[in-house]
Amino acid sequence: MENGWPTAETLGGLIARTRADQGISQLRLAERLCASAGLSTVTRNEVSRWERGERIPTGYWMGWLAVALGVPLEQLERAAAVSRRERHRIIPPNWTQLMAGVYVRRAS
């Protein structure tokens, strides 16, 4: 542990764990994010993609995640770095890398 935080936790794992610890659903987290940011662009589906590691939120949404979850931004950024490293190690067979850190799912 570093600074009291797990060092190898992915961003998706951190979001899911923190959300569960607070007893809120993916929908409620999405609603918190939208209310905090004053935008209605984050859905429960997007939160699910973040938790599954399919996507990593932009810096803009990372800041709002810190607010909505009550987690230090540095902890989220550290977990995002772990997620990016993990993505480079394991690329599912139905995904293609477009550029560094950007993947798309191929049609079946």
Protein backbone atom coordinates (compact mmCIF):
# COMPACT_ATOMS: atom_id res chain seq x y z
CA MET A 1 0.00 0.00 0.00
CA GLU A 2 1.18 3.47 -0.84
CA ASN A 3 -0.26 6.51 0.97
CA GLY A 4 -2.87 4.13 2.41
CA TRP A 5 -4.17 3.19 -1.06
CA PRO A 6 -3.77 -0.11 -2.88
CA THR A 7 -1.07 0.32 -5.53
CA ALA A 8 -2.30 -2.20 -8.10
CA GLU A 9 -6.04 -1.49 -8.20
CA THR A 10 -7.47 -0.68 -11.60
CA LEU A 11 -9.69 2.33 -12.10
CA GLY A 12 -12.69 0.12 -12.81
CA GLY A 13 -12.08 -1.82 -9.63
CA LEU A 14 -11.70 1.36 -7.61
CA ILE A 15 -14.90 2.88 -8.99
CA ALA A 16 -16.90 -0.33 -8.45
CA ARG A 17 -15.52 -0.88 -4.93
CA THR A 18 -16.05 2.71 -3.82
CA ARG A 19 -19.54 2.80 -5.31
CA ALA A 20 -20.45 -0.48 -3.57
CA ASP A 21 -18.99 0.73 -0.27
CA GLN A 22 -21.27 3.76 -0.51
CA GLY A 23 -24.27 1.61 -1.42
CA ILE A 24 -25.05 3.41 -4.66
CA SER A 25 -25.94 1.99 -8.05
CA GLN A 26 -24.23 2.73 -11.34
CA LEU A 27 -27.30 4.81 -12.24
CA ARG A 28 -27.01 6.87 -9.05
CA LEU A 29 -23.31 7.49 -9.69
CA ALA A 30 -24.12 8.61 -13.24
CA GLU A 31 -26.79 10.96 -11.86
CA ARG A 32 -24.31 12.38 -9.33
CA LEU A 33 -21.75 12.96 -12.07
CA CYS A 34 -24.26 14.71 -14.32
CA ALA A 35 -25.58 16.86 -11.47
CA SER A 36 -22.06 17.84 -10.38
CA ALA A 37 -20.87 18.68 -13.90
CA GLY A 38 -24.13 20.27 -15.03
CA LEU A 39 -24.21 17.95 -18.05
CA SER A 40 -26.37 14.95 -18.86
CA THR A 41 -23.85 12.98 -20.90
CA VAL A 42 -22.84 10.20 -18.49
CA THR A 43 -25.15 7.22 -18.32
CA ARG A 44 -25.23 4.06 -16.25
CA ASN A 45 -23.87 2.28 -19.32
CA GLU A 46 -20.82 4.54 -19.38
CA VAL A 47 -20.17 3.89 -15.68
CA SER A 48 -20.43 0.16 -16.45
CA ARG A 49 -17.86 0.51 -19.28
CA TRP A 50 -15.48 2.30 -16.89
CA GLU A 51 -15.91 -0.42 -14.27
CA ARG A 52 -15.31 -3.21 -16.79
CA GLY A 53 -12.18 -1.45 -18.04
CA GLU A 54 -13.54 -0.99 -21.56
CA ARG A 55 -13.01 2.75 -21.28
CA ILE A 56 -11.08 5.14 -19.09
CA PRO A 57 -12.80 8.44 -18.33
CA THR A 58 -11.28 11.64 -19.65
CA GLY A 59 -9.50 14.01 -17.32
CA TYR A 60 -12.67 16.11 -17.18
CA TRP A 61 -14.75 13.22 -15.85
CA MET A 62 -11.95 12.04 -13.55
CA GLY A 63 -12.25 15.33 -11.68
CA TRP A 64 -16.00 14.91 -11.32
CA LEU A 65 -15.58 11.26 -10.29
CA ALA A 66 -13.34 12.45 -7.46
CA VAL A 67 -16.12 14.79 -6.33
CA ALA A 68 -18.97 12.30 -6.79
CA LEU A 69 -17.18 9.44 -5.03
CA GLY A 70 -15.33 11.52 -2.44
CA VAL A 71 -12.01 10.04 -3.56
CA PRO A 72 -8.79 12.03 -4.05
CA LEU A 73 -8.13 12.73 -7.74
CA GLU A 74 -4.58 11.42 -7.30
CA GLN A 75 -5.94 8.03 -6.26
CA LEU A 76 -8.13 7.89 -9.38
CA GLU A 77 -5.22 8.93 -11.60
CA ARG A 78 -2.98 6.27 -10.07
CA ALA A 79 -5.65 3.62 -10.69
CA ALA A 80 -6.11 4.89 -14.28
CA ALA A 81 -2.38 4.42 -14.86
CA VAL A 82 -2.70 0.81 -13.63
CA SER A 83 -5.63 0.31 -16.00
CA ARG A 84 -3.65 1.68 -18.95
CA ARG A 85 -0.76 -0.69 -18.19
CA GLU A 86 -3.18 -3.61 -17.94
CA ARG A 87 -4.77 -2.73 -21.27
CA HIS A 88 -1.40 -3.02 -22.99
CA ARG A 89 -0.84 -6.50 -21.57
CA ILE A 90 -4.15 -8.10 -22.40
CA ILE A 91 -6.03 -7.25 -25.59
CA PRO A 92 -9.08 -9.46 -26.09
CA PRO A 93 -9.19 -11.18 -29.48
CA ASN A 94 -12.24 -9.20 -30.63
CA TRP A 95 -10.57 -5.81 -29.99
CA THR A 96 -8.20 -3.79 -32.20
CA GLN A 97 -5.80 -1.08 -31.09
CA LEU A 98 -6.31 2.11 -33.13
CA MET A 99 -3.49 4.04 -31.44
CA ALA A 100 -1.69 3.95 -28.12
CA GLY A 101 -4.31 3.33 -25.44
CA VAL A 102 -7.28 3.47 -27.83
CA TYR A 103 -9.10 0.23 -28.60
CA VAL A 104 -12.27 -0.61 -30.50
CA ARG A 105 -14.33 -3.76 -30.53
CA ARG A 106 -14.47 -5.45 -33.92
CA ALA A 107 -17.82 -6.55 -35.27
CA SER A 108 -18.36 -10.28 -34.92
